[in-house]
Amino acid sequence: MENPDKSVTVYFNSKQNSAQCGQGATKFHGTAKDLVQLDIMIDVSGESVSISLSGPADKWFGVGFGSTSMPGTYAIVANDSAVWEQKLGDHAPGNTLAPMIKVTANTVQNNLRTVVVSRPMKGVSEDHYTFSVDCLSVNFIDAVGSSLVWAHHAQAKGGTLNFVGTDSHTCICYGGIQGTIDGNKFGKNCVKPPNGDLYSQGNPTCFIEKYEGGLSCCRHKFILLDADQVQPEPVDEYHMKFRFYFQEYDAKKHQNLIRIYGQTEQWAGEYDVPKCDDHTPPSECVHAITARWKAGQSMINPKVDQSKYRGVKLIYAGGHCHAPACISLELYNEDTGKLICRQEPIVGTGTEIFNEEGYIAIPPCLWSENGQNQGLLEPDLLTWDTNLFAIKRNNNTYKHYGEMASWQMRGILVE
């Protein structure tokens, strides 16, 4: 221990101990070490925050809070002459903010500068980060310059800062229930609100102790049967037919599309649709999940240097939705409230191709740049910091597993 005079009482878990972790806490402590050493104390009763940053004394360094990327992120930056607050740009320095921090210490020892600042929990503007203990895990980004002059960073990383209550019972090493399914490690990355719904909904796909079925049970050559069944012989045979339409390549008209991908299930890869109440009419049985992310945080293939482009214009957007329980998928530009794409299944009613009775299609959304295709809208520019909002609705008259809600899109880069 760094301080041998400080005593800590440890309660080893037992069924008789009913104390709730963190219950009644008013003071919270979080620490993380990446490029910058970060140490934060939150005093809820005093509505104040004390922040300690340690980095190289011969370079500028800084930490941004509540984000995994630069655009729009509130950051505290320090060098040899100043400590200030910044709203970061898209791979750009951004704007210096009106100060709300008070520098209480700025020392150098062994070429390590340690800066301590204090400030209220609530930001004085929308551009200033507001600290809260409603969620005790906070994303951060950190960076170090190549000199003391505030300029493009030499290194940038980031991570997650976890807080624990210091004046209440605290679970010091709880990482959730761990386990395997048929020898394969179970792991899901269900994000917390407002970025996703599955964790807060307690969706079984996030927790091995609740998991009932889905991709983690259906690996290649795995057969999942009831205990009293005999594995049947593989006698199924099926045929698939594909039809491709194409145009001859014209360098004046055609350009490559990049792949843009995001999940309404926010990287869980799947989720459970719970069964609605037995007394609910089927037409009213609706289960919905939502997610938020920035356009620049989408999985983009091939990877691009976003600093060289303003953003992307979508040409194609197709949501991944399992029929026939799928009701709709919607994707919005949350900054403007504009609906980007809405998809609804179309059920066949006749005998002609693609309209056969029992056939279900989910047509994609399509756009055309510069009016090259009549009847298609001009796509909007989605800058890298555009906030996207997705909502997926399913009928849940019956429960089912392994549902998906990803957005598979194609677009063109805008320089």
Protein backbone atom coordinates (compact mmCIF):
# COMPACT_ATOMS: atom_id res chain seq x y z
CA MET A 1 0.00 0.00 0.00
CA GLU A 2 1.18 3.52 -0.77
CA ASN A 3 -0.11 4.74 2.60
CA PRO A 4 0.55 2.12 5.32
CA ASP A 5 -1.29 4.24 7.91
CA LYS A 6 -4.59 4.03 6.06
CA SER A 7 -6.80 1.11 7.04
CA VAL A 8 -9.41 -0.57 4.88
CA THR A 9 -12.09 -2.95 6.10
CA VAL A 10 -12.79 -5.83 3.71
CA TYR A 11 -15.95 -7.94 3.85
CA PHE A 12 -15.58 -11.28 2.09
CA ASN A 13 -18.76 -12.12 0.24
CA SER A 14 -21.26 -14.28 2.05
CA LYS A 15 -24.94 -15.02 1.64
CA GLN A 16 -25.57 -13.45 5.03
CA ASN A 17 -24.16 -10.08 3.95
CA SER A 18 -27.03 -8.19 2.32
CA ALA A 19 -25.17 -4.88 1.92
CA GLN A 20 -25.62 -3.37 -1.55
CA CYS A 21 -22.46 -2.28 -3.31
CA GLY A 22 -22.25 1.51 -3.51
CA GLN A 23 -25.53 2.08 -1.68
CA GLY A 24 -25.61 5.47 0.05
CA ALA A 25 -22.24 6.64 -1.28
CA THR A 26 -21.65 10.38 -1.65
CA LYS A 27 -17.96 10.31 -2.57
CA PHE A 28 -16.59 8.44 -5.58
CA HIS A 29 -13.04 7.78 -6.74
CA GLY A 30 -11.80 6.74 -10.16
CA THR A 31 -8.31 6.24 -11.53
CA ALA A 32 -6.83 5.11 -14.84
CA LYS A 33 -3.38 5.12 -16.41
CA ASP A 34 -2.85 5.33 -20.13
CA LEU A 35 -0.72 7.99 -21.85
CA VAL A 36 -1.84 10.24 -18.99
CA GLN A 37 -2.30 9.27 -15.35
CA LEU A 38 -5.86 10.25 -14.41
CA ASP A 39 -7.26 10.46 -10.87
CA ILE A 40 -10.72 11.88 -10.11
CA MET A 41 -12.68 12.42 -6.90
CA ILE A 42 -16.40 13.27 -7.10
CA ASP A 43 -18.15 14.73 -4.06
CA VAL A 44 -21.89 14.48 -4.70
CA SER A 45 -22.88 16.34 -1.54
CA GLY A 46 -20.64 19.27 -2.48
CA GLU A 47 -21.41 18.88 -6.22
CA SER A 48 -17.69 19.20 -6.90
CA VAL A 49 -14.98 17.31 -8.76
CA SER A 50 -11.23 17.19 -8.18
CA ILE A 51 -9.18 16.06 -11.19
CA SER A 52 -5.50 15.14 -11.19
CA LEU A 53 -3.64 14.74 -14.51
CA SER A 54 -0.03 13.57 -14.78
CA GLY A 55 1.98 13.57 -17.98
CA PRO A 56 5.43 14.33 -19.45
CA ALA A 57 6.77 17.69 -18.29
CA ASP A 58 8.40 18.45 -21.65
CA LYS A 59 5.22 17.99 -23.73
CA TRP A 60 1.60 19.12 -23.64
CA PHE A 61 -0.93 16.48 -22.61
CA GLY A 62 -4.69 16.29 -22.15
CA VAL A 63 -7.72 14.16 -21.40
CA GLY A 64 -11.19 14.26 -22.99
CA PHE A 65 -14.22 12.98 -21.08
CA GLY A 66 -17.29 10.97 -22.01
CA SER A 67 -16.26 9.93 -25.51
CA THR A 68 -14.13 7.57 -27.57
CA SER A 69 -13.41 10.11 -30.33
CA MET A 70 -12.40 13.75 -30.67
CA PRO A 71 -15.29 15.62 -32.34
CA GLY A 72 -17.18 17.73 -29.81
CA THR A 73 -15.43 16.24 -26.78
CA TYR A 74 -14.70 18.34 -23.68
CA ALA A 75 -11.01 18.12 -22.73
CA ILE A 76 -8.61 19.53 -20.16
CA VAL A 77 -5.16 20.31 -21.58
CA ALA A 78 -1.92 21.31 -19.83
CA ASN A 79 1.59 22.44 -20.77
CA ASP A 80 4.35 24.39 -19.02
CA SER A 81 2.51 27.70 -19.10
CA ALA A 82 -1.23 27.02 -18.83
CA VAL A 83 -4.06 24.63 -18.03
CA TRP A 84 -7.21 25.14 -20.08
CA GLU A 85 -10.42 23.59 -21.37
CA GLN A 86 -11.05 22.75 -25.01
CA LYS A 87 -13.93 21.55 -27.16
CA LEU A 88 -12.11 19.29 -29.61
CA GLY A 89 -12.77 19.35 -33.33
CA ASP A 90 -12.88 16.55 -35.90
CA HIS A 91 -9.16 15.71 -36.01
CA ALA A 92 -8.68 19.41 -35.30
CA PRO A 93 -7.86 21.49 -32.19
CA GLY A 94 -11.41 22.83 -31.92
CA ASN A 95 -12.26 25.80 -29.69
CA THR A 96 -10.98 27.01 -26.35
CA LEU A 97 -13.81 27.14 -23.81
CA ALA A 98 -14.63 29.70 -21.15
CA PRO A 99 -12.79 28.45 -18.04
CA MET A 100 -14.68 26.76 -15.25
CA ILE A 101 -11.74 24.93 -13.66
CA LYS A 102 -9.62 26.23 -10.81
CA VAL A 103 -5.99 25.09 -10.81
CA THR A 104 -5.03 24.05 -7.27
CA ALA A 105 -1.60 22.52 -8.03
CA ASN A 106 0.92 22.38 -10.88
CA THR A 107 4.15 20.59 -9.97
CA VAL A 108 7.01 18.84 -11.76
CA GLN A 109 9.02 15.95 -10.37
CA ASN A 110 11.26 13.53 -12.27
CA ASN A 111 10.10 15.02 -15.61
CA LEU A 112 6.46 14.28 -14.67
CA ARG A 113 4.05 17.20 -14.50
CA THR A 114 1.05 16.78 -12.19
CA VAL A 115 -1.83 19.21 -12.51
CA VAL A 116 -4.72 19.26 -10.04
CA VAL A 117 -7.89 21.18 -10.86
CA SER A 118 -11.31 21.50 -9.24
CA ARG A 119 -14.66 22.36 -10.79
CA PRO A 120 -18.41 21.86 -10.24
CA MET A 121 -19.93 18.56 -11.37
CA LYS A 122 -22.36 20.31 -13.75
CA GLY A 123 -20.89 21.98 -16.81
CA VAL A 124 -21.53 25.69 -17.22
CA SER A 125 -22.59 25.11 -20.84
CA GLU A 126 -23.49 22.26 -23.18
CA ASP A 127 -19.87 22.26 -24.34
CA HIS A 128 -18.56 21.61 -20.80
CA TYR A 129 -18.78 17.99 -19.65
CA THR A 130 -21.17 17.25 -16.78
CA PHE A 131 -19.99 14.61 -14.31
CA SER A 132 -22.60 12.22 -12.95
CA VAL A 133 -22.62 9.11 -10.76
CA ASP A 134 -25.67 7.65 -12.50
CA CYS A 135 -23.18 5.64 -14.55
CA LEU A 136 -19.93 4.68 -12.83
CA SER A 137 -18.05 3.84 -16.05
CA VAL A 138 -16.92 6.81 -18.17
CA ASN A 139 -15.11 6.65 -21.50
CA PHE A 140 -12.13 8.95 -21.95
CA ILE A 141 -9.53 9.79 -24.57
CA ASP A 142 -6.02 11.04 -23.80
CA ALA A 143 -3.22 12.47 -25.87
CA VAL A 144 0.38 13.67 -25.64
CA GLY A 145 2.00 16.23 -27.94
CA SER A 146 5.42 16.17 -29.55
CA SER A 147 6.45 19.35 -27.71
CA LEU A 148 5.09 21.91 -25.27
CA VAL A 149 3.40 23.81 -28.12
CA TRP A 150 -0.31 23.02 -28.44
CA ALA A 151 -0.51 21.28 -31.83
CA HIS A 152 -1.38 17.93 -33.41
CA HIS A 153 -0.84 15.10 -30.94
CA ALA A 154 2.05 12.68 -31.24
CA GLN A 155 0.11 9.89 -29.50
CA ALA A 156 -3.56 9.38 -28.71
CA LYS A 157 -5.35 6.54 -26.98
CA GLY A 158 -8.11 6.20 -24.41
CA GLY A 159 -10.04 3.83 -22.22
CA THR A 160 -12.69 3.56 -19.52
CA LEU A 161 -12.59 5.18 -16.11
CA ASN A 162 -14.45 3.22 -13.43
CA PHE A 163 -15.63 4.90 -10.22
CA VAL A 164 -16.24 3.29 -6.82
CA GLY A 165 -17.86 4.76 -3.74
CA THR A 166 -15.37 5.53 -0.98
CA ASP A 167 -17.84 6.01 1.87
CA SER A 168 -19.97 2.88 1.39
CA HIS A 169 -19.62 -0.83 0.66
CA THR A 170 -17.80 -1.29 -2.63
CA CYS A 171 -17.43 -4.32 -4.89
CA ILE A 172 -13.75 -4.08 -5.74
CA CYS A 173 -13.52 -6.82 -8.34
CA TYR A 174 -16.98 -7.69 -9.65
CA GLY A 175 -16.83 -8.32 -13.37
CA GLY A 176 -20.11 -10.08 -13.86
CA ILE A 177 -20.68 -13.82 -13.90
CA GLN A 178 -18.21 -15.49 -16.26
CA GLY A 179 -18.58 -18.83 -17.99
CA THR A 180 -18.46 -20.95 -21.11
CA ILE A 181 -20.92 -22.68 -23.41
CA ASP A 182 -19.66 -26.09 -24.49
CA GLY A 183 -16.12 -24.99 -23.67
CA ASN A 184 -16.31 -21.68 -25.57
CA LYS A 185 -15.89 -18.52 -23.51
CA PHE A 186 -19.07 -16.45 -23.35
CA GLY A 187 -18.58 -12.76 -23.85
CA LYS A 188 -20.84 -9.88 -24.87
CA ASN A 189 -20.20 -6.16 -24.97
CA CYS A 190 -23.63 -4.71 -24.23
CA VAL A 191 -23.23 -0.95 -23.97
CA LYS A 192 -25.11 1.18 -21.47
CA PRO A 193 -27.56 4.05 -22.11
CA PRO A 194 -27.81 6.32 -23.96
CA ASN A 195 -25.77 4.42 -26.56
CA GLY A 196 -27.80 1.21 -26.36
CA ASP A 197 -30.75 -0.47 -24.61
CA LEU A 198 -29.87 -4.13 -24.12
CA TYR A 199 -27.93 -3.81 -20.85
CA SER A 200 -30.51 -1.59 -19.14
CA GLN A 201 -33.36 -3.81 -20.38
CA GLY A 202 -31.62 -6.82 -18.82
CA ASN A 203 -31.74 -8.58 -22.17
CA PRO A 204 -30.70 -12.24 -21.71
CA THR A 205 -28.21 -12.00 -24.57
CA CYS A 206 -25.91 -9.89 -22.35
CA PHE A 207 -25.60 -12.30 -19.41
CA ILE A 208 -24.54 -15.92 -19.38
CA GLU A 209 -26.72 -16.67 -16.35
CA LYS A 210 -29.77 -15.54 -18.41
CA TYR A 211 -28.71 -16.72 -21.87
CA GLU A 212 -31.19 -19.18 -23.39
CA GLY A 213 -30.25 -19.39 -27.05
CA GLY A 214 -28.65 -17.70 -30.04
CA LEU A 215 -25.31 -17.49 -31.81
CA SER A 216 -23.29 -18.57 -28.78
CA CYS A 217 -25.09 -21.94 -28.91
CA CYS A 218 -24.92 -22.35 -32.67
CA ARG A 219 -21.29 -22.64 -33.68
CA HIS A 220 -20.12 -24.55 -36.72
CA LYS A 221 -20.98 -28.28 -36.47
CA PHE A 222 -22.60 -27.83 -33.05
CA ILE A 223 -25.87 -29.72 -32.68
CA LEU A 224 -28.23 -28.52 -29.94
CA LEU A 225 -30.84 -31.13 -29.03
CA ASP A 226 -32.99 -32.05 -26.08
CA ALA A 227 -31.50 -34.67 -23.79
CA ASP A 228 -33.88 -37.40 -24.99
CA GLN A 229 -33.30 -36.87 -28.73
CA VAL A 230 -31.08 -38.77 -31.10
CA GLN A 231 -29.13 -36.66 -33.58
CA PRO A 232 -30.84 -37.12 -36.97
CA GLU A 233 -28.91 -37.98 -40.10
CA PRO A 234 -28.16 -34.96 -42.34
CA VAL A 235 -30.67 -35.54 -45.18
CA ASP A 236 -31.80 -31.98 -45.94
CA GLU A 237 -31.06 -30.73 -49.44
CA TYR A 238 -31.72 -27.25 -50.78
CA HIS A 239 -30.92 -25.17 -53.85
CA MET A 240 -30.21 -21.45 -54.22
CA LYS A 241 -30.52 -19.30 -57.29
CA PHE A 242 -28.84 -15.92 -57.74
CA ARG A 243 -29.46 -13.22 -60.35
CA PHE A 244 -26.93 -10.41 -60.80
CA TYR A 245 -27.53 -7.10 -62.56
CA PHE A 246 -24.61 -4.91 -63.59
CA GLN A 247 -23.48 -2.04 -65.74
CA GLU A 248 -20.27 -1.91 -67.71
CA TYR A 249 -17.73 0.17 -65.81
CA ASP A 250 -17.54 3.83 -66.82
CA ALA A 251 -14.80 5.83 -65.09
CA LYS A 252 -16.80 9.04 -65.63
CA LYS A 253 -19.93 7.74 -63.95
CA HIS A 254 -18.88 5.09 -61.47
CA GLN A 255 -16.86 5.15 -58.26
CA ASN A 256 -16.11 2.69 -55.50
CA LEU A 257 -18.44 2.51 -52.51
CA ILE A 258 -17.15 2.02 -48.98
CA ARG A 259 -18.90 -0.25 -46.50
CA ILE A 260 -20.41 1.47 -43.43
CA TYR A 261 -21.75 -0.73 -40.66
CA GLY A 262 -23.45 -0.13 -37.30
CA GLN A 263 -25.60 -2.16 -34.93
CA THR A 264 -28.79 -1.18 -33.14
CA GLU A 265 -27.89 -4.06 -30.82
CA GLN A 266 -24.61 -2.18 -30.31
CA TRP A 267 -21.99 -4.91 -30.77
CA ALA A 268 -23.82 -7.66 -28.91
CA GLY A 269 -24.22 -9.17 -32.38
CA GLU A 270 -27.69 -10.48 -31.49
CA TYR A 271 -30.43 -10.05 -28.92
CA ASP A 272 -33.52 -11.74 -27.49
CA VAL A 273 -37.04 -10.58 -28.27
CA PRO A 274 -39.01 -11.29 -25.07
CA LYS A 275 -42.57 -12.63 -25.26
CA CYS A 276 -45.27 -10.07 -24.59
CA ASP A 277 -48.00 -10.57 -22.00
CA ASP A 278 -50.40 -13.41 -22.82
CA HIS A 279 -53.39 -11.08 -22.63
CA THR A 280 -51.99 -8.57 -25.15
CA PRO A 281 -53.52 -8.65 -28.66
CA PRO A 282 -50.89 -9.69 -31.25
CA SER A 283 -51.26 -6.35 -33.05
CA GLU A 284 -50.14 -4.57 -29.89
CA CYS A 285 -47.19 -6.86 -29.10
CA VAL A 286 -44.25 -4.63 -30.00
CA HIS A 287 -40.69 -4.81 -28.65
CA ALA A 288 -38.24 -2.02 -29.49
CA ILE A 289 -34.55 -1.31 -28.99
CA THR A 290 -32.61 1.87 -29.79
CA ALA A 291 -28.98 2.90 -30.21
CA ARG A 292 -26.87 5.98 -30.80
CA TRP A 293 -23.47 6.44 -32.42
CA LYS A 294 -21.56 8.95 -34.52
CA ALA A 295 -21.17 8.36 -38.24
CA GLY A 296 -17.39 8.33 -37.81
CA GLN A 297 -17.68 5.56 -35.20
CA SER A 298 -19.28 3.18 -37.71
CA MET A 299 -17.25 0.21 -38.84
CA ILE A 300 -15.87 1.44 -42.16
CA ASN A 301 -14.27 -0.89 -44.68
CA PRO A 302 -11.80 -0.26 -46.15
CA LYS A 303 -10.53 1.92 -43.32
CA VAL A 304 -10.04 5.55 -44.31
CA ASP A 305 -8.11 8.48 -42.91
CA GLN A 306 -11.07 10.53 -41.75
CA SER A 307 -8.97 13.69 -41.54
CA LYS A 308 -8.84 13.72 -45.34
CA TYR A 309 -12.62 13.69 -45.83
CA ARG A 310 -15.60 15.70 -44.60
CA GLY A 311 -17.74 12.61 -44.24
CA VAL A 312 -19.84 10.25 -46.32
CA LYS A 313 -22.97 10.25 -48.49
CA LEU A 314 -25.06 7.09 -48.34
CA ILE A 315 -26.01 5.38 -51.59
CA TYR A 316 -27.49 2.22 -50.05
CA ALA A 317 -28.83 1.37 -46.57
CA GLY A 318 -30.24 -1.98 -45.60
CA GLY A 319 -31.23 -3.04 -42.10
CA HIS A 320 -30.76 -6.64 -40.98
CA CYS A 321 -34.14 -7.82 -39.72
CA HIS A 322 -35.43 -11.38 -39.32
CA ALA A 323 -38.81 -11.98 -40.95
CA PRO A 324 -41.67 -12.47 -40.25
CA ALA A 325 -41.53 -10.87 -36.78
CA CYS A 326 -39.82 -7.72 -38.10
CA ILE A 327 -42.02 -4.62 -38.01
CA SER A 328 -39.64 -1.81 -38.97
CA LEU A 329 -36.13 -0.36 -38.83
CA GLU A 330 -35.47 3.38 -38.75
CA LEU A 331 -32.27 5.40 -38.95
CA TYR A 332 -32.25 9.12 -38.11
CA ASN A 333 -29.86 12.03 -38.20
CA GLU A 334 -30.33 12.90 -34.52
CA ASP A 335 -28.79 16.36 -34.96
CA THR A 336 -31.54 17.44 -37.36
CA GLY A 337 -34.28 14.93 -36.53
CA LYS A 338 -34.44 13.94 -40.21
CA LEU A 339 -35.36 10.37 -41.06
CA ILE A 340 -32.57 8.88 -43.17
CA CYS A 341 -34.09 5.48 -43.88
CA ARG A 342 -37.17 3.50 -42.85
CA GLN A 343 -37.69 -0.12 -43.86
CA GLU A 344 -40.80 -2.23 -43.58
CA PRO A 345 -41.29 -5.82 -44.77
CA ILE A 346 -43.51 -6.34 -47.81
CA VAL A 347 -45.47 -9.60 -47.79
CA GLY A 348 -46.21 -11.31 -51.10
CA THR A 349 -49.83 -11.71 -52.14
CA GLY A 350 -49.76 -13.25 -55.63
CA THR A 351 -47.92 -15.79 -57.77
CA GLU A 352 -45.50 -13.62 -59.79
CA ILE A 353 -41.79 -13.58 -58.93
CA PHE A 354 -40.91 -11.63 -55.77
CA ASN A 355 -44.61 -11.40 -54.91
CA GLU A 356 -45.38 -15.03 -54.23
CA GLU A 357 -47.72 -15.72 -51.34
CA GLY A 358 -45.57 -16.25 -48.28
CA TYR A 359 -42.62 -14.36 -49.77
CA ILE A 360 -41.30 -11.50 -47.61
CA ALA A 361 -39.01 -8.76 -48.91
CA ILE A 362 -37.41 -5.84 -47.05
CA PRO A 363 -36.47 -3.32 -49.77
CA PRO A 364 -33.40 -1.16 -49.01
CA CYS A 365 -33.13 2.62 -49.13
CA LEU A 366 -31.32 3.93 -52.22
CA TRP A 367 -29.99 7.36 -53.21
CA SER A 368 -28.38 8.83 -56.31
CA GLU A 369 -25.80 11.61 -56.37
CA ASN A 370 -26.32 14.49 -58.82
CA GLY A 371 -29.64 13.09 -60.02
CA GLN A 372 -28.00 10.37 -62.09
CA ASN A 373 -30.97 8.04 -61.49
CA GLN A 374 -34.46 9.48 -61.79
CA GLY A 375 -36.77 8.84 -58.88
CA LEU A 376 -33.98 8.61 -56.29
CA LEU A 377 -33.25 11.35 -53.78
CA GLU A 378 -29.93 13.18 -53.48
CA PRO A 379 -28.09 11.82 -50.40
CA ASP A 380 -27.32 14.10 -47.45
CA LEU A 381 -23.77 14.60 -46.24
CA LEU A 382 -23.13 12.80 -42.96
CA THR A 383 -20.05 14.38 -41.39
CA TRP A 384 -17.99 12.16 -39.13
CA ASP A 385 -19.46 13.78 -36.02
CA THR A 386 -23.09 13.45 -37.18
CA ASN A 387 -25.08 11.75 -34.42
CA LEU A 388 -27.09 8.77 -35.67
CA PHE A 389 -30.12 7.29 -33.91
CA ALA A 390 -31.53 3.85 -34.77
CA ILE A 391 -34.72 2.15 -33.61
CA LYS A 392 -35.80 -1.41 -34.35
CA ARG A 393 -39.31 -2.80 -33.71
CA ASN A 394 -40.34 -6.44 -33.63
CA ASN A 395 -43.60 -8.20 -33.02
CA ASN A 396 -43.15 -10.21 -29.83
CA THR A 397 -46.26 -12.35 -29.73
CA TYR A 398 -43.75 -15.18 -29.43
CA LYS A 399 -40.32 -15.14 -27.83
CA HIS A 400 -37.31 -15.78 -30.04
CA TYR A 401 -33.53 -15.64 -29.86
CA GLY A 402 -30.70 -14.48 -32.07
CA GLU A 403 -32.55 -11.44 -33.46
CA MET A 404 -30.41 -8.83 -35.22
CA ALA A 405 -30.77 -5.15 -36.03
CA SER A 406 -27.61 -4.05 -37.82
CA TRP A 407 -27.36 -1.43 -40.55
CA GLN A 408 -25.39 -2.56 -43.60
CA MET A 409 -24.70 0.50 -45.74
CA ARG A 410 -22.64 1.65 -48.71
CA GLY A 411 -21.54 5.20 -49.46
CA ILE A 412 -19.13 7.56 -51.13
CA LEU A 413 -16.49 9.64 -49.39
CA VAL A 414 -16.76 13.43 -49.56
CA GLU A 415 -13.46 15.29 -49.71
